[in-house]
Amino acid sequence: MTLGGEFMGDAVLADIYAPGSGSEAGSAGSTTGAYRDRAAPDALSPAALARLDDTALMQRVGLGCEQAFALLVERHATPLYRVAARMLGDGHEAEDVVQDCFTRLWQNAPRWQASGAGLVGWLHRVTMNLCFDRKRRFRVVVTDAVPDSADDAPLADHVIAQAQACAEVAEILAGLPERYRAALVLCYYEGFSNVLAAQVLDLNVKALESLLFRARRQMRELLEARRITCADVAFRGASSAGGSSSGVAGHGVIGQGG
C-alpha cells in the first residue's frame, strides 16, 4: 500500500483483512471460531456475489461468509485508507486503522442493520472515530520532506516545486483541528455530499455547513500565508495522501470567498 492510493492486491487484502486464515468460516484455528453458531449461507459463485449490494453482502457476512467479507474489503478498503492517511498523515497508521475498521465490521455484522448513509457511512464513521482516537492517544509525526532530485528533464524544477507545494498543503491539512480536517477530507477530497458527511460526523447538515465554512476559511488563510495558489498544486494536491487531484485547492478553498 502506498500513500499514492495504490492499494494492495486482492490476495494480500484477503490475507491481511480476512477474519480467518482463508479457511471456511468457523473452521478450527480460525478467528471466526467465535461465530461457529452462525448458519452458513447458501453458496454463491464469485460472479453472483459481486452482483450483490453492500446490504446483501452484510447479511451474508453476518452468517459467517468470508467470501462476502473479502468482497466488502475489496470495495471499500481503498477509500477508507485514503481518508485515514489524510487524517493521520502516516501510511502505516492508516493501514492499522483500516484493519481495525474491518475487524469491527466482522464483529458487528450479525447485529448490523442498514440505515441512514448505509454501509459506506458506517465504515467512514468508524474510520473517522478510530483516527480521532489514535490522534488523541498518539502523537503522529507527519513527514512530507521532498528529497533532492538530480533530474535534468525539461520542467523538472516545476515538478519539484509542485511537489513541495503539495507537501505544504498536506502539512497544513494535518495541522488543522481534527473536525475541520475531517470535514475537508470528506467533502473535498472524497467528494461526499454535505448530507452524507454530516451523517458520518454525526452532525446535522447546517452544523456541517458551518464547520466547512470555518475549515475552508482557516485552510485558505494558512495557504495564502505561504503564498500557495491553485496553480502551485494543480493535479498534484492529493499526491501525498492518495486519491484524486488537487483536493482543497481544486474545489475552491484557495482563491475564493468563504
Protein backbone atom coordinates (compact mmCIF):
# COMPACT_ATOMS: atom_id res chain seq x y z
CA MET A 1 0.00 0.00 0.00
CA THR A 2 1.21 3.48 -0.73
CA LEU A 3 0.11 6.99 0.06
CA GLY A 4 -0.42 7.36 -3.66
CA GLY A 5 -3.65 5.41 -3.31
CA GLU A 6 -2.36 2.17 -4.86
CA PHE A 7 -3.89 -0.42 -2.58
CA MET A 8 -2.72 -3.98 -2.13
CA GLY A 9 -3.71 -6.78 -4.47
CA ASP A 10 -6.71 -8.97 -3.72
CA ALA A 11 -4.60 -11.84 -2.37
CA VAL A 12 -2.82 -9.57 0.10
CA LEU A 13 -6.09 -7.93 1.10
CA ALA A 14 -7.62 -11.31 1.87
CA ASP A 15 -4.56 -12.38 3.84
CA ILE A 16 -4.49 -9.24 5.98
CA TYR A 17 -8.14 -8.45 6.47
CA ALA A 18 -9.97 -11.77 6.27
CA PRO A 19 -11.24 -12.71 9.74
CA GLY A 20 -9.78 -16.19 9.33
CA SER A 21 -6.74 -17.51 7.52
CA GLY A 22 -8.53 -18.17 4.25
CA SER A 23 -10.27 -21.28 5.56
CA GLU A 24 -14.01 -21.80 5.65
CA ALA A 25 -15.86 -19.75 8.26
CA GLY A 26 -15.79 -21.31 11.71
CA SER A 27 -13.05 -23.86 10.97
CA ALA A 28 -10.57 -24.90 13.63
CA GLY A 29 -7.82 -22.37 14.26
CA SER A 30 -9.70 -19.53 12.57
CA THR A 31 -10.57 -16.32 14.41
CA THR A 32 -14.11 -16.90 13.19
CA GLY A 33 -14.46 -19.59 15.83
CA ALA A 34 -16.48 -17.20 17.96
CA TYR A 35 -19.13 -17.28 15.22
CA ARG A 36 -19.42 -21.05 14.73
CA ASP A 37 -23.13 -20.86 15.54
CA ARG A 38 -23.87 -18.67 12.52
CA ALA A 39 -25.90 -20.55 9.93
CA ALA A 40 -23.82 -20.87 6.77
CA PRO A 41 -25.45 -19.00 3.85
CA ASP A 42 -26.18 -20.73 0.57
CA ALA A 43 -23.10 -20.85 -1.64
CA LEU A 44 -22.91 -18.36 -4.49
CA SER A 45 -20.42 -18.06 -7.32
CA PRO A 46 -17.94 -15.16 -7.18
CA ALA A 47 -19.80 -13.51 -10.06
CA ALA A 48 -23.12 -13.79 -8.23
CA LEU A 49 -21.58 -12.42 -5.03
CA ALA A 50 -20.13 -9.47 -6.92
CA ARG A 51 -23.62 -8.51 -8.11
CA LEU A 52 -24.92 -8.17 -4.54
CA ASP A 53 -25.15 -4.75 -2.94
CA ASP A 54 -23.50 -3.92 0.37
CA THR A 55 -26.59 -4.67 2.43
CA ALA A 56 -26.98 -8.14 0.95
CA LEU A 57 -23.28 -8.84 1.45
CA MET A 58 -23.50 -7.72 5.07
CA GLN A 59 -26.33 -10.18 5.63
CA ARG A 60 -24.03 -12.94 4.40
CA VAL A 61 -21.12 -11.67 6.49
CA GLY A 62 -23.43 -11.79 9.49
CA LEU A 63 -23.84 -15.51 8.77
CA GLY A 64 -20.08 -16.03 8.62
CA CYS A 65 -19.40 -15.79 4.89
CA GLU A 66 -15.75 -14.84 4.49
CA GLN A 67 -16.09 -14.51 0.71
CA ALA A 68 -18.68 -11.75 1.18
CA PHE A 69 -16.43 -10.12 3.76
CA ALA A 70 -13.44 -10.18 1.38
CA LEU A 71 -15.58 -8.56 -1.33
CA LEU A 72 -16.59 -5.73 1.02
CA VAL A 73 -12.92 -5.20 1.86
CA GLU A 74 -12.11 -5.05 -1.85
CA ARG A 75 -14.86 -2.49 -2.43
CA HIS A 76 -14.20 -0.16 0.46
CA ALA A 77 -10.64 -0.52 1.75
CA THR A 78 -9.03 1.93 -0.66
CA PRO A 79 -11.24 5.00 0.08
CA LEU A 80 -11.06 4.23 3.81
CA TYR A 81 -7.29 4.13 3.56
CA ARG A 82 -7.23 7.47 1.74
CA VAL A 83 -9.33 9.06 4.48
CA ALA A 84 -7.21 7.60 7.27
CA ALA A 85 -3.97 8.61 5.54
CA ARG A 86 -5.13 12.21 5.18
CA MET A 87 -6.41 12.33 8.74
CA LEU A 88 -3.25 10.84 10.26
CA GLY A 89 -0.56 11.75 7.75
CA ASP A 90 1.01 8.32 8.14
CA GLY A 91 0.52 5.34 5.84
CA HIS A 92 1.31 2.67 8.44
CA GLU A 93 -1.10 4.21 10.93
CA ALA A 94 -3.73 4.37 8.18
CA GLU A 95 -3.27 0.66 7.43
CA ASP A 96 -3.80 -0.13 11.13
CA VAL A 97 -6.97 1.97 11.20
CA VAL A 98 -8.41 0.24 8.12
CA GLN A 99 -7.65 -3.17 9.59
CA ASP A 100 -9.31 -2.19 12.87
CA CYS A 101 -12.32 -0.89 10.95
CA PHE A 102 -12.85 -4.15 9.09
CA THR A 103 -12.33 -6.13 12.28
CA ARG A 104 -15.20 -4.18 13.77
CA LEU A 105 -17.27 -4.75 10.66
CA TRP A 106 -16.85 -8.51 11.04
CA GLN A 107 -17.59 -8.43 14.75
CA ASN A 108 -20.71 -6.27 14.34
CA ALA A 109 -22.05 -7.92 11.18
CA PRO A 110 -24.63 -10.17 12.95
CA ARG A 111 -26.22 -7.08 14.52
CA TRP A 112 -25.70 -4.59 11.68
CA GLN A 113 -28.79 -3.05 10.06
CA ALA A 114 -28.87 -0.72 7.09
CA SER A 115 -29.86 2.84 7.98
CA GLY A 116 -29.08 6.41 7.02
CA ALA A 117 -25.89 6.51 4.98
CA GLY A 118 -25.73 2.73 4.73
CA LEU A 119 -22.52 0.74 4.97
CA VAL A 120 -20.42 3.49 3.35
CA GLY A 121 -21.45 5.92 6.09
CA TRP A 122 -20.96 3.30 8.82
CA LEU A 123 -17.45 2.40 7.63
CA HIS A 124 -16.38 6.03 7.31
CA ARG A 125 -17.81 6.89 10.72
CA VAL A 126 -15.85 4.03 12.31
CA THR A 127 -12.72 5.04 10.42
CA MET A 128 -13.04 8.68 11.49
CA ASN A 129 -13.60 7.73 15.13
CA LEU A 130 -10.57 5.44 15.05
CA CYS A 131 -8.50 8.29 13.59
CA PHE A 132 -9.73 10.73 16.23
CA ASP A 133 -8.89 8.22 18.96
CA ARG A 134 -5.46 7.47 17.51
CA LYS A 135 -4.61 11.17 17.21
CA ARG A 136 -5.54 11.69 20.85
CA ARG A 137 -3.57 8.70 22.09
CA PHE A 138 -0.51 9.01 19.89
CA ARG A 139 1.43 11.93 18.53
CA VAL A 140 1.51 11.24 14.79
CA VAL A 141 4.50 12.89 13.12
CA VAL A 142 3.86 13.99 9.54
CA THR A 143 6.91 13.84 7.30
CA ASP A 144 6.40 15.42 3.91
CA ALA A 145 10.01 16.30 3.08
CA VAL A 146 10.70 16.21 -0.64
CA PRO A 147 14.09 14.63 -1.48
CA ASP A 148 16.60 16.43 -3.64
CA SER A 149 16.40 15.48 -7.29
CA ALA A 150 19.09 15.46 -9.98
CA ASP A 151 16.57 15.21 -12.78
CA ASP A 152 17.68 17.10 -15.90
CA ALA A 153 14.39 16.55 -17.71
CA PRO A 154 12.51 19.61 -19.00
CA LEU A 155 10.29 21.25 -16.38
CA ALA A 156 11.88 19.15 -13.60
CA ASP A 157 12.18 22.25 -11.40
CA HIS A 158 8.49 22.98 -11.90
CA VAL A 159 7.54 19.40 -10.94
CA ILE A 160 9.69 19.60 -7.81
CA ALA A 161 8.15 22.95 -6.89
CA GLN A 162 4.68 21.43 -7.29
CA ALA A 163 5.63 18.52 -5.08
CA GLN A 164 6.92 20.90 -2.42
CA ALA A 165 3.70 22.92 -2.57
CA CYS A 166 1.66 19.73 -2.23
CA ALA A 167 3.72 18.72 0.78
CA GLU A 168 2.91 22.08 2.35
CA VAL A 169 -0.80 21.58 1.64
CA ALA A 170 -0.64 18.18 3.35
CA GLU A 171 1.22 19.71 6.30
CA ILE A 172 -1.36 22.47 6.68
CA LEU A 173 -4.24 19.99 6.43
CA ALA A 174 -2.63 17.79 9.09
CA GLY A 175 -2.31 20.79 11.42
CA LEU A 176 -5.98 21.78 11.30
CA PRO A 177 -8.31 20.92 14.18
CA GLU A 178 -9.47 17.36 13.65
CA ARG A 179 -13.09 18.22 12.93
CA TYR A 180 -12.04 20.81 10.33
CA ARG A 181 -9.74 18.27 8.73
CA ALA A 182 -12.45 15.61 8.74
CA ALA A 183 -14.98 17.89 7.03
CA LEU A 184 -12.50 18.91 4.32
CA VAL A 185 -11.31 15.35 3.72
CA LEU A 186 -14.84 14.01 3.32
CA CYS A 187 -16.37 16.84 1.30
CA TYR A 188 -13.45 17.98 -0.87
CA TYR A 189 -11.08 15.06 -1.21
CA GLU A 190 -13.63 12.24 -1.12
CA GLY A 191 -16.48 14.15 -2.76
CA PHE A 192 -19.11 13.34 -0.13
CA SER A 193 -22.34 15.30 -0.20
CA ASN A 194 -22.98 17.51 2.81
CA VAL A 195 -25.77 15.16 3.87
CA LEU A 196 -23.52 12.08 3.82
CA ALA A 197 -20.61 13.86 5.51
CA ALA A 198 -22.95 15.14 8.21
CA GLN A 199 -24.13 11.60 8.91
CA VAL A 200 -20.56 10.32 9.09
CA LEU A 201 -19.59 13.07 11.55
CA ASP A 202 -22.87 12.75 13.49
CA LEU A 203 -23.91 16.34 12.75
CA ASN A 204 -26.95 17.95 11.24
CA VAL A 205 -26.46 19.48 7.79
CA LYS A 206 -26.46 23.10 9.00
CA ALA A 207 -23.76 22.29 11.57
CA LEU A 208 -21.71 20.55 8.88
CA GLU A 209 -22.02 23.54 6.56
CA SER A 210 -20.90 25.86 9.36
CA LEU A 211 -17.97 23.56 10.11
CA LEU A 212 -16.99 23.54 6.43
CA PHE A 213 -17.16 27.33 6.24
CA ARG A 214 -14.77 27.71 9.19
CA ALA A 215 -12.48 24.94 7.93
CA ARG A 216 -12.28 26.48 4.44
CA ARG A 217 -11.55 29.90 5.84
CA GLN A 218 -8.75 28.69 8.10
CA MET A 219 -7.25 26.47 5.40
CA ARG A 220 -7.36 29.31 2.87
CA GLU A 221 -5.73 31.78 5.27
CA LEU A 222 -2.90 29.35 6.01
CA LEU A 223 -2.36 28.61 2.33
CA GLU A 224 -2.35 32.30 1.41
CA ALA A 225 0.12 33.00 4.22
CA ARG A 226 2.52 30.62 2.45
CA ARG A 227 1.67 32.13 -0.94
CA ILE A 228 0.32 28.80 -2.24
CA THR A 229 -2.10 29.11 -5.17
CA CYS A 230 -4.19 26.71 -7.24
CA ALA A 231 -1.51 26.73 -9.94
CA ASP A 232 1.11 25.59 -7.41
CA VAL A 233 -0.74 22.37 -6.64
CA ALA A 234 -2.68 21.71 -9.84
CA PHE A 235 -3.13 17.96 -10.40
CA ARG A 236 -0.76 17.22 -7.53
CA GLY A 237 -2.58 18.37 -4.40
CA ALA A 238 -3.62 14.91 -3.26
CA SER A 239 -0.39 13.13 -4.14
CA SER A 240 0.84 12.85 -0.60
CA ALA A 241 -2.26 11.07 0.61
CA GLY A 242 -3.64 9.22 -2.37
CA GLY A 243 -6.73 9.70 -4.42
CA SER A 244 -7.90 12.38 -6.78
CA SER A 245 -6.19 15.56 -7.84
CA SER A 246 -5.80 18.88 -6.08
CA GLY A 247 -8.44 18.34 -3.35
CA VAL A 248 -8.95 21.52 -1.35
CA ALA A 249 -7.14 23.63 -3.93
CA GLY A 250 -9.22 22.38 -6.82
CA HIS A 251 -12.53 22.79 -5.05
CA GLY A 252 -12.42 26.47 -4.16
CA VAL A 253 -10.60 26.55 -0.83
CA ILE A 254 -7.84 28.62 -2.40
CA GLY A 255 -8.73 31.90 -4.02
CA GLN A 256 -12.45 32.09 -3.30
CA GLY A 257 -14.53 33.65 -0.62
CA GLY A 258 -15.53 31.61 2.46
